[in-house]
C-alpha atoms as a PDB file:
ATOM      1  CA  MET A   1      23.426   8.003   7.161  1.00  0.00           C
ATOM      2  CA  ASP A   2      22.902  11.550   5.894  1.00  0.00           C
ATOM      3  CA  LYS A   3      22.426  10.331   2.326  1.00  0.00           C
ATOM      4  CA  ALA A   4      19.676   7.928   3.396  1.00  0.00           C
ATOM      5  CA  LYS A   5      18.035  10.591   5.550  1.00  0.00           C
ATOM      6  CA  ASP A   6      18.107  13.095   2.683  1.00  0.00           C
ATOM      7  CA  ALA A   7      16.706  10.518   0.266  1.00  0.00           C
ATOM      8  CA  LEU A   8      13.800   9.683   2.582  1.00  0.00           C
ATOM      9  CA  LYS A   9      13.117  13.332   3.363  1.00  0.00           C
ATOM     10  CA  SER A  10      12.950  14.227  -0.309  1.00  0.00           C
ATOM     11  CA  ASN A  11      10.890  11.132  -1.165  1.00  0.00           C
ATOM     12  CA  PRO A  12       8.740  10.136   1.845  1.00  0.00           C
ATOM     13  CA  ASP A  13       6.813   7.744  -0.405  1.00  0.00           C
ATOM     14  CA  LEU A  14       9.711   5.336   0.098  1.00  0.00           C
ATOM     15  CA  ILE A  15       8.766   5.104   3.790  1.00  0.00           C
ATOM     16  CA  GLU A  16       5.168   4.386   2.818  1.00  0.00           C
ATOM     17  CA  LYS A  17       6.160   1.800   0.206  1.00  0.00           C
ATOM     18  CA  GLY A  18       8.400   0.015   2.686  1.00  0.00           C
ATOM     19  CA  GLY A  19       5.571  -0.149   5.213  1.00  0.00           C
ATOM     20  CA  ASP A  20       3.183  -1.385   2.553  1.00  0.00           C
ATOM     21  CA  LEU A  21       5.574  -4.207   1.659  1.00  0.00           C
ATOM     22  CA  ILE A  22       5.775  -5.235   5.310  1.00  0.00           C
ATOM     23  CA  ASP A  23       1.971  -5.103   5.612  1.00  0.00           C
ATOM     24  CA  LYS A  24       1.616  -7.262   2.516  1.00  0.00           C
ATOM     25  CA  ALA A  25       4.172  -9.785   3.753  1.00  0.00           C
ATOM     26  CA  THR A  26       2.497 -10.054   7.169  1.00  0.00           C
ATOM     27  CA  GLY A  27      -1.101  -9.947   5.941  1.00  0.00           C
ATOM     28  CA  ASN A  28      -1.649  -6.620   7.772  1.00  0.00           C
ATOM     29  CA  LYS A  29      -1.227  -8.474  11.065  1.00  0.00           C
ATOM     30  CA  TYR A  30       1.064  -5.718  12.371  1.00  0.00           C
ATOM     31  CA  ALA A  31      -0.469  -2.759  10.504  1.00  0.00           C
ATOM     32  CA  SER A  32      -0.754  -0.496  13.555  1.00  0.00           C
ATOM     33  CA  GLN A  33       2.851  -1.162  14.559  1.00  0.00           C
ATOM     34  CA  VAL A  34       4.016  -0.564  10.994  1.00  0.00           C
ATOM     35  CA  ASP A  35       2.104   2.736  10.932  1.00  0.00           C
ATOM     36  CA  LYS A  36       3.841   3.812  14.141  1.00  0.00           C
ATOM     37  CA  ALA A  37       7.224   2.879  12.676  1.00  0.00           C
ATOM     38  CA  GLN A  38       6.450   4.830   9.499  1.00  0.00           C
ATOM     39  CA  ASP A  39       5.477   7.869  11.576  1.00  0.00           C
ATOM     40  CA  ALA A  40       8.688   7.582  13.590  1.00  0.00           C
ATOM     41  CA  ALA A  41      10.743   7.302  10.397  1.00  0.00           C
ATOM     42  CA  ARG A  42       9.032  10.376   8.905  1.00  0.00           C
ATOM     43  CA  LYS A  43       9.658  12.315  12.111  1.00  0.00           C
ATOM     44  CA  ALA A  44      13.302  11.202  12.240  1.00  0.00           C
ATOM     45  CA  VAL A  45      14.032  12.410   8.708  1.00  0.00           C
ATOM     46  CA  GLY A  46      11.793  15.481   8.925  1.00  0.00           C
ATOM     47  CA  ALA A  47       9.425  14.281   6.219  1.00  0.00           C
ATOM     48  CA  GLU A  48       5.853  15.488   6.017  1.00  0.00           C
ATOM     49  CA  GLN A  49       3.288  13.356   7.868  1.00  0.00           C
ATOM     50  CA  SER A  50       0.435  11.866   5.876  1.00  0.00           C
ATOM     51  CA  LYS A  51      -3.115  12.048   7.190  1.00  0.00           C
ATOM     52  CA  PRO A  52      -4.228   9.099   9.386  1.00  0.00           C
ATOM     53  CA  GLU A  53      -7.343   8.678   7.227  1.00  0.00           C
ATOM     54  CA  ASP A  54      -5.133   8.106   4.178  1.00  0.00           C
ATOM     55  CA  ARG A  55      -3.142   5.388   5.941  1.00  0.00           C
ATOM     56  CA  ARG A  56      -6.259   3.596   7.205  1.00  0.00           C
ATOM     57  CA  ALA A  57      -7.666   3.457   3.685  1.00  0.00           C
ATOM     58  CA  GLU A  58      -4.448   1.836   2.470  1.00  0.00           C
ATOM     59  CA  HIS A  59      -4.677  -0.934   5.058  1.00  0.00           C
ATOM     60  CA  ALA A  60      -8.331  -1.725   4.369  1.00  0.00           C
ATOM     61  CA  PRO A  61      -8.803  -4.802   2.206  1.00  0.00           C
ATOM     62  CA  ALA A  62      -9.546  -3.720  -1.311  1.00  0.00           C
ATOM     63  CA  GLU A  63     -12.850  -4.838  -2.713  1.00  0.00           C
ATOM     64  CA  GLN A  64     -12.434  -6.021  -6.227  1.00  0.00           C
ATOM     65  CA  PRO A  65     -15.620  -6.216  -8.245  1.00  0.00           C
ATOM     66  CA  GLN A  66     -16.322  -9.506  -9.894  1.00  0.00           C
ATOM     67  CA  ALA A  67     -16.448  -9.117 -13.638  1.00  0.00           C
ATOM     68  CA  GLU A  68     -19.632 -10.464 -15.096  1.00  0.00           C
ATOM     69  CA  GLN A  69     -18.898 -12.960 -17.774  1.00  0.00           C
ATOM     70  CA  ALA A  70     -21.405 -13.021 -20.551  1.00  0.00           C
ATOM     71  CA  GLU A  71     -22.125 -16.394 -22.024  1.00  0.00           C
ATOM     72  CA  PRO A  72     -21.478 -16.617 -25.745  1.00  0.00           C
ATOM     73  CA  PRO A  73     -24.581 -17.154 -27.876  1.00  0.00           C
ATOM     74  CA  LYS A  74     -25.329 -20.815 -28.552  1.00  0.00           C
ATOM     75  CA  GLY A  75     -23.265 -22.212 -31.362  1.00  0.00           C
ATOM     76  CA  GLU A  76     -20.751 -19.382 -31.109  1.00  0.00           C
ATOM     77  CA  GLY A  77     -18.323 -20.754 -28.529  1.00  0.00           C
ATOM     78  CA  PRO A  78     -14.613 -20.041 -28.473  1.00  0.00           C
ATOM     79  CA  ALA A  79     -12.652 -21.005 -31.566  1.00  0.00           C
ATOM     80  CA  GLN A  80     -10.807 -24.283 -31.243  1.00  0.00           C
END
């Protein structure tokens, strides 16, 4: 148990990554509960807490810009 605790304390990103995987698998349905579990895990191992604003931004759906696709000039379509 001490090895795991030391590993998480020295690399608290593992706690965040684990929570992110759970959020992804559940479609963020349990995001607030996952956040509480991450906080409890950080507290248990003595890892530094991240700011709540940072965590909320991670759970927000990412907006991905639609790439504009330019039409090729007439007569210059893709090679076949």
